[in-house]
Amino acid sequence: MTVTLEEIRAMQARGELCHNPDAPEGPDLPDEFWNGAEVVTPESRELISMRVPPEVKAFFQGESEKGYTRRMAEVLTAYVRAQRAKS
C-alpha cells in the first residue's frame, strides 16, 4: 500500500497517527543490522525572502499553515530535478 505525504498529514490531523506507550517493544536487532548503515548529513538550506501572489501562498497553506514553505521548497526542488533530467 502506498500512502502519499498529504494522506499521512491528513491521517495525523484526524488523530489517526499517535504514539501508543503501551505498544510492545520491537525485536532486538543483531549487531550485523548496522554493518551497512551510513550517517547521512542533511543538506543545508538557505533562507530567502520571496514575494508570491496571495493565491499561491493560500494554495500551499491548504488546510494547514504549518509547513507551507517546506511544501513550496519541495515543488521547486522537483522542478529543478525535472529540468536537469531534460538536459
Protein backbone atom coordinates (compact mmCIF):
# COMPACT_ATOMS: atom_id res chain seq x y z
CA MET A 1 0.00 0.00 0.00
CA THR A 2 1.40 3.37 -1.00
CA VAL A 3 0.42 6.43 1.00
CA THR A 4 1.21 9.97 -0.07
CA LEU A 5 2.65 12.58 2.25
CA GLU A 6 -0.63 14.51 2.08
CA GLU A 7 -2.57 11.38 3.11
CA ILE A 8 -0.23 10.90 6.07
CA ARG A 9 -0.72 14.54 7.07
CA ALA A 10 -4.49 14.13 6.84
CA MET A 11 -4.33 10.98 8.98
CA GLN A 12 -2.27 12.85 11.55
CA ALA A 13 -4.71 15.78 11.53
CA ARG A 14 -7.59 13.34 12.19
CA GLY A 15 -5.64 11.86 15.11
CA GLU A 16 -5.18 8.50 13.42
CA LEU A 17 -1.40 8.54 13.92
CA CYS A 18 -0.34 8.51 17.53
CA HIS A 19 2.25 7.02 19.81
CA ASN A 20 0.96 4.18 21.95
CA PRO A 21 3.10 3.96 25.10
CA ASP A 22 1.61 0.51 25.78
CA ALA A 23 2.72 -0.92 22.43
CA PRO A 24 5.10 -3.87 22.70
CA GLU A 25 8.77 -3.26 22.02
CA GLY A 26 10.11 -4.30 18.67
CA PRO A 27 12.60 -7.13 18.27
CA ASP A 28 16.20 -6.65 19.32
CA LEU A 29 18.29 -6.06 16.22
CA PRO A 30 21.51 -8.03 15.79
CA ASP A 31 24.77 -6.07 15.61
CA GLU A 32 25.10 -7.02 11.91
CA PHE A 33 21.97 -4.98 11.19
CA TRP A 34 24.03 -1.80 11.48
CA ASN A 35 27.01 -3.00 9.36
CA GLY A 36 25.74 -1.35 6.17
CA ALA A 37 24.40 1.77 7.87
CA GLU A 38 25.66 5.17 6.76
CA VAL A 39 25.45 8.50 8.52
CA VAL A 40 23.73 10.91 6.16
CA THR A 41 24.04 14.61 6.88
CA PRO A 42 21.03 16.55 5.65
CA GLU A 43 21.68 19.24 3.07
CA SER A 44 21.72 22.73 4.47
CA ARG A 45 19.12 25.15 3.23
CA GLU A 46 19.40 28.83 2.51
CA LEU A 47 16.97 31.29 4.00
CA ILE A 48 15.48 33.61 1.37
CA SER A 49 12.66 36.11 1.18
CA MET A 50 10.31 35.87 -1.78
CA ARG A 51 7.12 37.65 -2.77
CA VAL A 52 4.37 35.42 -4.14
CA PRO A 53 0.78 36.16 -5.15
CA PRO A 54 -1.75 35.61 -2.36
CA GLU A 55 -3.38 32.70 -4.21
CA VAL A 56 -0.03 30.88 -4.40
CA LYS A 57 0.51 31.22 -0.66
CA ALA A 58 -3.10 30.15 0.02
CA PHE A 59 -2.68 27.08 -2.20
CA PHE A 60 0.40 25.87 -0.35
CA GLN A 61 -1.11 26.62 3.05
CA GLY A 62 -4.08 24.44 2.16
CA GLU A 63 -5.68 23.20 5.35
CA SER A 64 -2.63 23.91 7.49
CA GLU A 65 -0.42 26.97 7.60
CA LYS A 66 2.28 24.85 9.23
CA GLY A 67 4.89 23.62 6.75
CA TYR A 68 3.70 25.54 3.70
CA THR A 69 7.14 26.98 2.94
CA ARG A 70 8.60 23.48 3.05
CA ARG A 71 5.94 22.33 0.57
CA MET A 72 6.86 25.24 -1.70
CA ALA A 73 10.54 24.28 -1.49
CA GLU A 74 9.67 20.66 -2.35
CA VAL A 75 7.85 21.77 -5.51
CA LEU A 76 10.76 23.98 -6.53
CA THR A 77 13.20 21.12 -5.90
CA ALA A 78 11.11 18.76 -8.06
CA TYR A 79 11.07 21.38 -10.84
CA VAL A 80 14.86 21.78 -10.74
CA ARG A 81 15.36 18.00 -10.87
CA ALA A 82 12.96 17.68 -13.81
CA GLN A 83 14.76 20.44 -15.71
CA ARG A 84 18.14 18.85 -15.05
CA ALA A 85 16.83 15.47 -16.21
CA LYS A 86 15.88 17.05 -19.55
CA SER A 87 19.47 18.18 -20.12
